[in-house]
Amino acid sequence: MICGEDINLRAVERQDAPFVHRWLNDPVVMRGWGWSAPARSLHDVTHQVESWLTEESALGRAAALVAETLDGDPVGLIVLRVERSEARSIEASLLVDAACWGRGFGTDILETLLDACFDGWGVHRIGVRVEAGNARAMALYRRHGFREEGRLREAAFRDGQHADILLFSLLAPEWAARER
């Protein structure tokens, strides 16, 4: 378990499938997460959770983390993907339950993840992808020192229209140099 200020992060578990299923089928959450795929069945989500557990077992690290309040209520999900192991570079995707928006959970989840990655796991670079219309996520990442490094033009498709996906990253020395 990784302890934050108001949340804890823990590896995803099999029994998490029902609320992960709820999040992945909530159009408001998925709009914020930049996902436009059709609804997913509980069976499909359970299979995805099993896939994360298999990856965790094979690699010796969590592939997905659940963010919980200090009382144990799930409020978010982080999916991690190693981009280049030799470069110690990962990509993270953060999701916060829409009912919890505006309560500081996104900030605490991100800060807890960044501390774990840079101070605990020896990660050098964290990348994230944000749909161009997601001002809330872009502001969160920029506040924490992420820099825009690229744009995937019209790589997303939502509501009958294409949208750009912006690429942001943060390096360990940048996180270490921030003012606390």
N, C-alpha and C. Protein backbone atom coordinates (compact mmCIF):
# COMPACT_ATOMS: atom_id res chain seq x y z
N MET A 1 0.85 -1.18 0.00
CA MET A 1 0.00 0.00 0.00
C MET A 1 0.89 1.24 0.00
N ILE A 2 0.48 2.22 -0.77
CA ILE A 2 1.19 3.48 -0.86
C ILE A 2 0.29 4.54 -0.24
N CYS A 3 0.77 5.20 0.79
CA CYS A 3 -0.06 6.13 1.55
C CYS A 3 0.09 7.56 1.04
N GLY A 4 -1.04 8.18 0.79
CA GLY A 4 -1.08 9.59 0.43
C GLY A 4 -1.64 10.40 1.58
N GLU A 5 -2.01 11.63 1.29
CA GLU A 5 -2.55 12.50 2.34
C GLU A 5 -3.97 12.10 2.70
N ASP A 6 -4.85 11.98 1.69
CA ASP A 6 -6.25 11.63 1.92
C ASP A 6 -6.65 10.33 1.23
N ILE A 7 -5.71 9.74 0.51
CA ILE A 7 -5.99 8.48 -0.19
C ILE A 7 -4.81 7.53 0.00
N ASN A 8 -5.08 6.26 -0.27
CA ASN A 8 -4.04 5.25 -0.34
C ASN A 8 -4.14 4.60 -1.71
N LEU A 9 -3.02 4.16 -2.23
CA LEU A 9 -2.98 3.41 -3.49
C LEU A 9 -2.62 1.97 -3.17
N ARG A 10 -3.34 1.05 -3.80
CA ARG A 10 -3.03 -0.37 -3.63
C ARG A 10 -3.20 -1.07 -4.97
N ALA A 11 -2.55 -2.20 -5.11
CA ALA A 11 -2.67 -2.98 -6.34
C ALA A 11 -4.12 -3.42 -6.53
N VAL A 12 -4.55 -3.43 -7.77
CA VAL A 12 -5.90 -3.88 -8.09
C VAL A 12 -6.06 -5.34 -7.66
N GLU A 13 -7.28 -5.71 -7.25
CA GLU A 13 -7.59 -7.07 -6.82
C GLU A 13 -8.82 -7.57 -7.58
N ARG A 14 -9.02 -8.89 -7.60
CA ARG A 14 -10.14 -9.47 -8.33
C ARG A 14 -11.48 -8.86 -7.92
N GLN A 15 -11.66 -8.64 -6.63
CA GLN A 15 -12.95 -8.13 -6.14
C GLN A 15 -13.20 -6.67 -6.53
N ASP A 16 -12.22 -6.03 -7.19
CA ASP A 16 -12.40 -4.65 -7.65
C ASP A 16 -13.19 -4.57 -8.96
N ALA A 17 -13.37 -5.68 -9.64
CA ALA A 17 -13.99 -5.67 -10.97
C ALA A 17 -15.35 -4.94 -11.00
N PRO A 18 -16.25 -5.12 -10.02
CA PRO A 18 -17.55 -4.44 -10.13
C PRO A 18 -17.46 -2.91 -10.16
N PHE A 19 -16.62 -2.29 -9.31
CA PHE A 19 -16.58 -0.83 -9.37
C PHE A 19 -15.72 -0.35 -10.53
N VAL A 20 -14.72 -1.12 -10.94
CA VAL A 20 -13.99 -0.76 -12.16
C VAL A 20 -14.95 -0.81 -13.35
N HIS A 21 -15.81 -1.82 -13.37
CA HIS A 21 -16.84 -1.95 -14.41
C HIS A 21 -17.75 -0.72 -14.42
N ARG A 22 -18.17 -0.27 -13.24
CA ARG A 22 -19.03 0.92 -13.14
C ARG A 22 -18.32 2.14 -13.72
N TRP A 23 -17.05 2.33 -13.34
CA TRP A 23 -16.30 3.49 -13.86
C TRP A 23 -16.14 3.42 -15.37
N LEU A 24 -15.79 2.24 -15.88
CA LEU A 24 -15.52 2.11 -17.32
C LEU A 24 -16.79 2.20 -18.16
N ASN A 25 -17.94 2.18 -17.51
CA ASN A 25 -19.20 2.33 -18.22
C ASN A 25 -19.92 3.64 -17.88
N ASP A 26 -19.26 4.51 -17.15
CA ASP A 26 -19.81 5.82 -16.83
C ASP A 26 -19.34 6.80 -17.91
N PRO A 27 -20.26 7.31 -18.74
CA PRO A 27 -19.83 8.18 -19.84
C PRO A 27 -19.13 9.46 -19.37
N VAL A 28 -19.48 9.96 -18.20
CA VAL A 28 -18.83 11.17 -17.67
C VAL A 28 -17.38 10.85 -17.32
N VAL A 29 -17.16 9.74 -16.63
CA VAL A 29 -15.80 9.33 -16.27
C VAL A 29 -14.99 9.05 -17.53
N MET A 30 -15.59 8.34 -18.47
CA MET A 30 -14.86 7.97 -19.68
C MET A 30 -14.52 9.20 -20.54
N ARG A 31 -15.39 10.20 -20.53
CA ARG A 31 -15.07 11.44 -21.25
C ARG A 31 -13.82 12.07 -20.63
N GLY A 32 -13.75 12.10 -19.31
CA GLY A 32 -12.58 12.65 -18.64
C GLY A 32 -11.33 11.81 -18.85
N TRP A 33 -11.52 10.52 -19.04
CA TRP A 33 -10.38 9.61 -19.20
C TRP A 33 -9.93 9.54 -20.66
N GLY A 34 -10.72 10.13 -21.55
CA GLY A 34 -10.34 10.12 -22.96
C GLY A 34 -10.64 8.80 -23.65
N TRP A 35 -11.62 8.09 -23.16
CA TRP A 35 -11.97 6.77 -23.71
C TRP A 35 -13.31 6.88 -24.39
N SER A 36 -13.40 6.44 -25.62
CA SER A 36 -14.66 6.57 -26.34
C SER A 36 -15.20 5.22 -26.80
N ALA A 37 -14.66 4.14 -26.26
CA ALA A 37 -15.11 2.81 -26.66
C ALA A 37 -16.51 2.54 -26.12
N PRO A 38 -17.22 1.61 -26.73
CA PRO A 38 -18.55 1.26 -26.23
C PRO A 38 -18.47 0.64 -24.84
N ALA A 39 -19.61 0.56 -24.19
CA ALA A 39 -19.69 -0.02 -22.85
C ALA A 39 -19.05 -1.41 -22.83
N ARG A 40 -18.49 -1.75 -21.68
CA ARG A 40 -17.82 -3.03 -21.51
C ARG A 40 -18.61 -3.87 -20.51
N SER A 41 -18.72 -5.14 -20.79
CA SER A 41 -19.45 -6.04 -19.90
C SER A 41 -18.63 -6.31 -18.65
N LEU A 42 -19.30 -6.76 -17.60
CA LEU A 42 -18.60 -7.14 -16.38
C LEU A 42 -17.61 -8.26 -16.67
N HIS A 43 -17.98 -9.17 -17.56
CA HIS A 43 -17.07 -10.25 -17.95
C HIS A 43 -15.79 -9.68 -18.57
N ASP A 44 -15.93 -8.72 -19.47
CA ASP A 44 -14.76 -8.11 -20.11
C ASP A 44 -13.88 -7.38 -19.09
N VAL A 45 -14.50 -6.67 -18.17
CA VAL A 45 -13.74 -5.94 -17.16
C VAL A 45 -13.05 -6.92 -16.21
N THR A 46 -13.73 -7.99 -15.85
CA THR A 46 -13.11 -9.01 -15.00
C THR A 46 -11.90 -9.60 -15.70
N HIS A 47 -12.01 -9.83 -17.01
CA HIS A 47 -10.87 -10.33 -17.79
C HIS A 47 -9.73 -9.30 -17.79
N GLN A 48 -10.05 -8.02 -17.89
CA GLN A 48 -9.02 -6.98 -17.85
C GLN A 48 -8.31 -6.96 -16.50
N VAL A 49 -9.07 -7.08 -15.41
CA VAL A 49 -8.47 -7.13 -14.08
C VAL A 49 -7.55 -8.33 -13.97
N GLU A 50 -7.98 -9.47 -14.48
CA GLU A 50 -7.13 -10.68 -14.47
C GLU A 50 -5.85 -10.44 -15.27
N SER A 51 -5.97 -9.73 -16.37
CA SER A 51 -4.79 -9.40 -17.18
C SER A 51 -3.82 -8.53 -16.40
N TRP A 52 -4.33 -7.55 -15.67
CA TRP A 52 -3.47 -6.71 -14.83
C TRP A 52 -2.78 -7.54 -13.76
N LEU A 53 -3.52 -8.50 -13.17
CA LEU A 53 -2.93 -9.36 -12.14
C LEU A 53 -1.85 -10.27 -12.71
N THR A 54 -2.08 -10.78 -13.92
CA THR A 54 -1.07 -11.61 -14.58
C THR A 54 0.18 -10.79 -14.86
N GLU A 55 0.00 -9.57 -15.35
CA GLU A 55 1.14 -8.69 -15.62
C GLU A 55 1.89 -8.38 -14.33
N GLU A 56 1.16 -8.13 -13.26
CA GLU A 56 1.79 -7.85 -11.97
C GLU A 56 2.64 -9.04 -11.52
N SER A 57 2.09 -10.24 -11.67
CA SER A 57 2.82 -11.45 -11.28
C SER A 57 4.07 -11.65 -12.12
N ALA A 58 3.96 -11.40 -13.42
CA ALA A 58 5.09 -11.62 -14.33
C ALA A 58 6.18 -10.58 -14.15
N LEU A 59 5.79 -9.33 -13.93
CA LEU A 59 6.76 -8.24 -13.88
C LEU A 59 7.20 -7.87 -12.46
N GLY A 60 6.45 -8.33 -11.47
CA GLY A 60 6.80 -8.00 -10.10
C GLY A 60 6.44 -6.59 -9.70
N ARG A 61 5.52 -5.98 -10.40
CA ARG A 61 5.05 -4.64 -10.08
C ARG A 61 3.58 -4.54 -10.47
N ALA A 62 2.89 -3.62 -9.85
CA ALA A 62 1.47 -3.44 -10.15
C ALA A 62 1.29 -2.86 -11.55
N ALA A 63 0.32 -3.39 -12.28
CA ALA A 63 -0.05 -2.84 -13.58
C ALA A 63 -1.20 -1.86 -13.43
N ALA A 64 -1.94 -1.99 -12.34
CA ALA A 64 -3.06 -1.09 -12.07
C ALA A 64 -3.17 -0.92 -10.56
N LEU A 65 -3.49 0.30 -10.16
CA LEU A 65 -3.64 0.64 -8.75
C LEU A 65 -5.02 1.23 -8.51
N VAL A 66 -5.62 0.87 -7.40
CA VAL A 66 -6.88 1.46 -6.98
C VAL A 66 -6.56 2.52 -5.94
N ALA A 67 -7.17 3.69 -6.09
CA ALA A 67 -7.05 4.75 -5.09
C ALA A 67 -8.27 4.65 -4.18
N GLU A 68 -8.00 4.62 -2.88
CA GLU A 68 -9.07 4.52 -1.89
C GLU A 68 -8.95 5.66 -0.89
N THR A 69 -10.10 6.06 -0.34
CA THR A 69 -10.06 7.00 0.77
C THR A 69 -9.40 6.30 1.95
N LEU A 70 -9.10 7.05 2.98
CA LEU A 70 -8.50 6.44 4.17
C LEU A 70 -9.46 5.47 4.84
N ASP A 71 -10.76 5.58 4.52
CA ASP A 71 -11.77 4.65 5.03
C ASP A 71 -11.93 3.42 4.15
N GLY A 72 -11.19 3.36 3.03
CA GLY A 72 -11.24 2.20 2.16
C GLY A 72 -12.24 2.28 1.02
N ASP A 73 -12.84 3.45 0.79
CA ASP A 73 -13.79 3.60 -0.31
C ASP A 73 -13.03 3.88 -1.60
N PRO A 74 -13.29 3.11 -2.67
CA PRO A 74 -12.57 3.34 -3.93
C PRO A 74 -13.00 4.65 -4.59
N VAL A 75 -12.01 5.44 -5.03
CA VAL A 75 -12.30 6.73 -5.66
C VAL A 75 -11.61 6.89 -7.00
N GLY A 76 -10.71 5.97 -7.35
CA GLY A 76 -10.00 6.14 -8.61
C GLY A 76 -9.17 4.93 -9.00
N LEU A 77 -8.64 5.02 -10.20
CA LEU A 77 -7.86 3.93 -10.79
C LEU A 77 -6.67 4.53 -11.53
N ILE A 78 -5.54 3.87 -11.43
CA ILE A 78 -4.35 4.23 -12.20
C ILE A 78 -3.92 2.99 -12.96
N VAL A 79 -3.71 3.14 -14.25
CA VAL A 79 -3.16 2.05 -15.07
C VAL A 79 -1.76 2.48 -15.48
N LEU A 80 -0.79 1.60 -15.26
CA LEU A 80 0.61 1.88 -15.55
C LEU A 80 1.10 1.00 -16.68
N ARG A 81 1.88 1.58 -17.56
CA ARG A 81 2.47 0.81 -18.66
C ARG A 81 3.92 1.24 -18.80
N VAL A 82 4.81 0.25 -18.78
CA VAL A 82 6.22 0.55 -18.99
C VAL A 82 6.42 0.85 -20.47
N GLU A 83 6.94 2.05 -20.76
CA GLU A 83 7.21 2.41 -22.15
C GLU A 83 8.57 1.87 -22.58
N ARG A 84 9.57 2.14 -21.77
CA ARG A 84 10.94 1.69 -22.06
C ARG A 84 11.60 1.37 -20.73
N SER A 85 11.78 0.10 -20.44
CA SER A 85 12.33 -0.28 -19.14
C SER A 85 13.75 0.23 -18.95
N GLU A 86 14.57 0.17 -20.01
CA GLU A 86 15.96 0.62 -19.88
C GLU A 86 16.05 2.12 -19.60
N ALA A 87 15.05 2.88 -20.03
CA ALA A 87 15.02 4.32 -19.80
C ALA A 87 14.26 4.67 -18.52
N ARG A 88 13.70 3.64 -17.86
CA ARG A 88 12.90 3.85 -16.65
C ARG A 88 11.76 4.84 -16.92
N SER A 89 11.06 4.61 -18.03
CA SER A 89 9.98 5.48 -18.49
C SER A 89 8.67 4.72 -18.46
N ILE A 90 7.65 5.33 -17.86
CA ILE A 90 6.33 4.71 -17.81
C ILE A 90 5.28 5.68 -18.32
N GLU A 91 4.14 5.11 -18.70
CA GLU A 91 2.97 5.93 -19.02
C GLU A 91 1.91 5.60 -17.99
N ALA A 92 1.27 6.63 -17.47
CA ALA A 92 0.23 6.46 -16.47
C ALA A 92 -1.08 7.01 -17.00
N SER A 93 -2.17 6.37 -16.62
CA SER A 93 -3.50 6.83 -16.97
C SER A 93 -4.31 6.87 -15.68
N LEU A 94 -4.82 8.04 -15.32
CA LEU A 94 -5.54 8.22 -14.07
C LEU A 94 -7.03 8.44 -14.32
N LEU A 95 -7.83 7.83 -13.49
CA LEU A 95 -9.28 7.96 -13.56
C LEU A 95 -9.77 8.28 -12.15
N VAL A 96 -10.67 9.24 -12.02
CA VAL A 96 -11.29 9.56 -10.73
C VAL A 96 -12.80 9.44 -10.89
N ASP A 97 -13.43 8.76 -9.95
CA ASP A 97 -14.89 8.62 -9.94
C ASP A 97 -15.52 10.00 -10.04
N ALA A 98 -16.46 10.18 -10.97
CA ALA A 98 -17.08 11.49 -11.19
C ALA A 98 -17.74 12.04 -9.93
N ALA A 99 -18.24 11.17 -9.07
CA ALA A 99 -18.87 11.62 -7.82
C ALA A 99 -17.85 12.25 -6.87
N CYS A 100 -16.57 12.04 -7.14
CA CYS A 100 -15.50 12.55 -6.28
C CYS A 100 -14.77 13.75 -6.87
N TRP A 101 -15.18 14.20 -8.04
CA TRP A 101 -14.52 15.33 -8.68
C TRP A 101 -14.67 16.58 -7.81
N GLY A 102 -13.66 17.42 -7.83
CA GLY A 102 -13.70 18.68 -7.11
C GLY A 102 -13.40 18.56 -5.63
N ARG A 103 -12.98 17.39 -5.17
CA ARG A 103 -12.71 17.18 -3.75
C ARG A 103 -11.23 16.97 -3.46
N GLY A 104 -10.38 17.18 -4.47
CA GLY A 104 -8.94 17.08 -4.26
C GLY A 104 -8.35 15.69 -4.42
N PHE A 105 -9.20 14.71 -4.75
CA PHE A 105 -8.68 13.35 -4.88
C PHE A 105 -7.71 13.21 -6.05
N GLY A 106 -8.01 13.86 -7.17
CA GLY A 106 -7.12 13.77 -8.32
C GLY A 106 -5.73 14.28 -7.99
N THR A 107 -5.67 15.39 -7.28
CA THR A 107 -4.38 15.96 -6.86
C THR A 107 -3.64 15.00 -5.95
N ASP A 108 -4.33 14.45 -4.96
CA ASP A 108 -3.69 13.53 -4.01
C ASP A 108 -3.25 12.25 -4.70
N ILE A 109 -4.08 11.74 -5.60
CA ILE A 109 -3.72 10.53 -6.34
C ILE A 109 -2.45 10.78 -7.15
N LEU A 110 -2.43 11.89 -7.88
CA LEU A 110 -1.26 12.19 -8.72
C LEU A 110 -0.01 12.40 -7.87
N GLU A 111 -0.10 13.18 -6.81
CA GLU A 111 1.07 13.44 -5.98
C GLU A 111 1.59 12.16 -5.33
N THR A 112 0.68 11.31 -4.87
CA THR A 112 1.09 10.04 -4.26
C THR A 112 1.77 9.16 -5.29
N LEU A 113 1.21 9.11 -6.50
CA LEU A 113 1.83 8.32 -7.57
C LEU A 113 3.21 8.86 -7.92
N LEU A 114 3.33 10.18 -8.06
CA LEU A 114 4.62 10.77 -8.43
C LEU A 114 5.68 10.51 -7.36
N ASP A 115 5.31 10.65 -6.10
CA ASP A 115 6.26 10.34 -5.03
C ASP A 115 6.70 8.88 -5.09
N ALA A 116 5.75 7.97 -5.30
CA ALA A 116 6.09 6.54 -5.37
C ALA A 116 6.99 6.26 -6.56
N CYS A 117 6.64 6.80 -7.71
CA CYS A 117 7.43 6.54 -8.92
C CYS A 117 8.84 7.09 -8.82
N PHE A 118 8.96 8.35 -8.47
CA PHE A 118 10.26 9.01 -8.50
C PHE A 118 11.10 8.72 -7.25
N ASP A 119 10.47 8.71 -6.09
CA ASP A 119 11.22 8.55 -4.85
C ASP A 119 11.35 7.09 -4.41
N GLY A 120 10.44 6.24 -4.88
CA GLY A 120 10.46 4.85 -4.43
C GLY A 120 10.86 3.84 -5.48
N TRP A 121 10.36 4.01 -6.70
CA TRP A 121 10.54 2.99 -7.72
C TRP A 121 11.67 3.29 -8.70
N GLY A 122 12.27 4.46 -8.59
CA GLY A 122 13.38 4.80 -9.48
C GLY A 122 12.98 5.12 -10.91
N VAL A 123 11.74 5.53 -11.11
CA VAL A 123 11.28 5.92 -12.45
C VAL A 123 11.96 7.25 -12.82
N HIS A 124 12.35 7.39 -14.08
CA HIS A 124 12.97 8.63 -14.55
C HIS A 124 11.97 9.55 -15.25
N ARG A 125 10.98 8.96 -15.96
CA ARG A 125 10.04 9.75 -16.74
C ARG A 125 8.65 9.16 -16.65
N ILE A 126 7.66 10.03 -16.46
CA ILE A 126 6.26 9.61 -16.48
C ILE A 126 5.57 10.39 -17.59
N GLY A 127 4.90 9.67 -18.47
CA GLY A 127 4.13 10.30 -19.53
C GLY A 127 2.65 10.08 -19.32
N VAL A 128 1.85 11.03 -19.78
CA VAL A 128 0.39 10.90 -19.75
C VAL A 128 -0.16 11.40 -21.08
N ARG A 129 -1.35 10.93 -21.42
CA ARG A 129 -2.06 11.38 -22.62
C ARG A 129 -3.36 12.02 -22.16
N VAL A 130 -3.68 13.16 -22.76
CA VAL A 130 -4.89 13.89 -22.38
C VAL A 130 -5.62 14.33 -23.64
N GLU A 131 -6.91 14.03 -23.71
CA GLU A 131 -7.70 14.52 -24.83
C GLU A 131 -7.72 16.05 -24.78
N ALA A 132 -7.57 16.68 -25.93
CA ALA A 132 -7.39 18.14 -26.01
C ALA A 132 -8.49 18.93 -25.29
N GLY A 133 -9.69 18.42 -25.21
CA GLY A 133 -10.78 19.14 -24.55
C GLY A 133 -10.84 18.98 -23.05
N ASN A 134 -9.94 18.20 -22.46
CA ASN A 134 -10.01 17.92 -21.03
C ASN A 134 -9.17 18.95 -20.25
N ALA A 135 -9.75 20.14 -20.09
CA ALA A 135 -9.04 21.25 -19.43
C ALA A 135 -8.69 20.92 -17.99
N ARG A 136 -9.57 20.20 -17.31
CA ARG A 136 -9.33 19.86 -15.90
C ARG A 136 -8.06 19.01 -15.75
N ALA A 137 -7.91 17.99 -16.58
CA ALA A 137 -6.72 17.13 -16.50
C ALA A 137 -5.46 17.89 -16.91
N MET A 138 -5.56 18.68 -17.98
CA MET A 138 -4.38 19.44 -18.42
C MET A 138 -3.92 20.39 -17.31
N ALA A 139 -4.85 21.04 -16.64
CA ALA A 139 -4.48 21.96 -15.55
C ALA A 139 -3.81 21.20 -14.40
N LEU A 140 -4.34 20.04 -14.06
CA LEU A 140 -3.75 19.23 -12.99
C LEU A 140 -2.31 18.86 -13.32
N TYR A 141 -2.09 18.36 -14.52
CA TYR A 141 -0.73 17.94 -14.89
C TYR A 141 0.21 19.14 -14.96
N ARG A 142 -0.24 20.23 -15.53
CA ARG A 142 0.63 21.42 -15.61
C ARG A 142 0.99 21.95 -14.22
N ARG A 143 0.02 21.95 -13.31
CA ARG A 143 0.29 22.41 -11.93
C ARG A 143 1.39 21.58 -11.27
N HIS A 144 1.52 20.34 -11.69
CA HIS A 144 2.51 19.44 -11.09
C HIS A 144 3.79 19.35 -11.90
N GLY A 145 3.96 20.25 -12.85
CA GLY A 145 5.22 20.34 -13.57
C GLY A 145 5.31 19.58 -14.87
N PHE A 146 4.24 18.91 -15.27
CA PHE A 146 4.25 18.20 -16.55
C PHE A 146 4.36 19.21 -17.68
N ARG A 147 5.10 18.83 -18.70
CA ARG A 147 5.26 19.69 -19.88
C ARG A 147 4.63 19.00 -21.09
N GLU A 148 3.97 19.81 -21.89
CA GLU A 148 3.43 19.27 -23.14
C GLU A 148 4.59 18.99 -24.08
N GLU A 149 4.60 17.77 -24.63
CA GLU A 149 5.72 17.41 -25.50
C GLU A 149 5.28 16.94 -26.88
N GLY A 150 3.99 16.88 -27.10
CA GLY A 150 3.55 16.47 -28.42
C GLY A 150 2.05 16.44 -28.54
N ARG A 151 1.62 16.19 -29.76
CA ARG A 151 0.19 16.17 -30.08
C ARG A 151 -0.05 15.08 -31.10
N LEU A 152 -0.99 14.21 -30.80
CA LEU A 152 -1.44 13.21 -31.76
C LEU A 152 -2.69 13.80 -32.42
N ARG A 153 -2.51 14.28 -33.63
CA ARG A 153 -3.58 15.01 -34.29
C ARG A 153 -4.75 14.09 -34.64
N GLU A 154 -5.94 14.52 -34.20
CA GLU A 154 -7.20 13.83 -34.49
C GLU A 154 -7.11 12.33 -34.21
N ALA A 155 -6.44 11.97 -33.12
CA ALA A 155 -6.26 10.56 -32.76
C ALA A 155 -7.41 9.99 -31.94
N ALA A 156 -8.27 10.86 -31.42
CA ALA A 156 -9.44 10.42 -30.67
C ALA A 156 -10.69 10.69 -31.50
N PHE A 157 -11.74 9.93 -31.22
CA PHE A 157 -13.01 10.14 -31.93
C PHE A 157 -14.12 10.09 -30.90
N ARG A 158 -14.85 11.20 -30.76
CA ARG A 158 -15.91 11.28 -29.77
C ARG A 158 -17.05 12.13 -30.33
N ASP A 159 -18.26 11.65 -30.10
CA ASP A 159 -19.45 12.39 -30.51
C ASP A 159 -19.42 12.76 -31.98
N GLY A 160 -18.91 11.85 -32.80
CA GLY A 160 -18.89 12.06 -34.24
C GLY A 160 -17.80 12.99 -34.74
N GLN A 161 -16.87 13.36 -33.87
CA GLN A 161 -15.80 14.27 -34.28
C GLN A 161 -14.44 13.76 -33.80
N HIS A 162 -13.42 14.08 -34.58
CA HIS A 162 -12.06 13.76 -34.19
C HIS A 162 -11.54 14.82 -33.22
N ALA A 163 -10.64 14.40 -32.35
CA ALA A 163 -10.01 15.32 -31.39
C ALA A 163 -8.55 14.95 -31.24
N ASP A 164 -7.74 15.94 -30.94
CA ASP A 164 -6.32 15.71 -30.70
C ASP A 164 -6.11 15.12 -29.31
N ILE A 165 -5.03 14.37 -29.17
CA ILE A 165 -4.58 13.89 -27.87
C ILE A 165 -3.24 14.55 -27.61
N LEU A 166 -3.11 15.16 -26.44
CA LEU A 166 -1.88 15.84 -26.07
C LEU A 166 -1.02 14.92 -25.20
N LEU A 167 0.28 14.96 -25.44
CA LEU A 167 1.23 14.16 -24.68
C LEU A 167 1.96 15.07 -23.70
N PHE A 168 1.98 14.67 -22.45
CA PHE A 168 2.68 15.42 -21.40
C PHE A 168 3.66 14.47 -20.72
N SER A 169 4.73 15.03 -20.16
CA SER A 169 5.65 14.20 -19.37
C SER A 169 6.26 15.02 -18.25
N LEU A 170 6.77 14.29 -17.27
CA LEU A 170 7.47 14.88 -16.14
C LEU A 170 8.68 14.00 -15.87
N LEU A 171 9.83 14.63 -15.64
CA LEU A 171 11.08 13.91 -15.37
C LEU A 171 11.39 13.96 -13.87
N ALA A 172 12.09 12.95 -13.39
CA ALA A 172 12.44 12.87 -11.97
C ALA A 172 13.15 14.13 -11.48
N PRO A 173 14.14 14.68 -12.21
CA PRO A 173 14.80 15.90 -11.70
C PRO A 173 13.84 17.09 -11.60
N GLU A 174 12.85 17.14 -12.48
CA GLU A 174 11.86 18.23 -12.42
C GLU A 174 10.99 18.09 -11.18
N TRP A 175 10.60 16.85 -10.85
CA TRP A 175 9.79 16.61 -9.66
C TRP A 175 10.61 16.91 -8.40
N ALA A 176 11.88 16.53 -8.41
CA ALA A 176 12.74 16.76 -7.25
C ALA A 176 12.99 18.25 -7.02
N ALA A 177 13.00 19.04 -8.09
CA ALA A 177 13.32 20.47 -7.99
C ALA A 177 12.12 21.34 -7.63
N ARG A 178 10.92 20.76 -7.58
CA ARG A 178 9.73 21.57 -7.34
C ARG A 178 9.74 22.16 -5.94
N GLU A 179 8.99 23.22 -5.77
CA GLU A 179 8.84 23.82 -4.45
C GLU A 179 7.71 23.10 -3.74
N ARG A 180 7.94 22.73 -2.52
CA ARG A 180 6.90 22.05 -1.75
C ARG A 180 6.22 23.01 -0.83
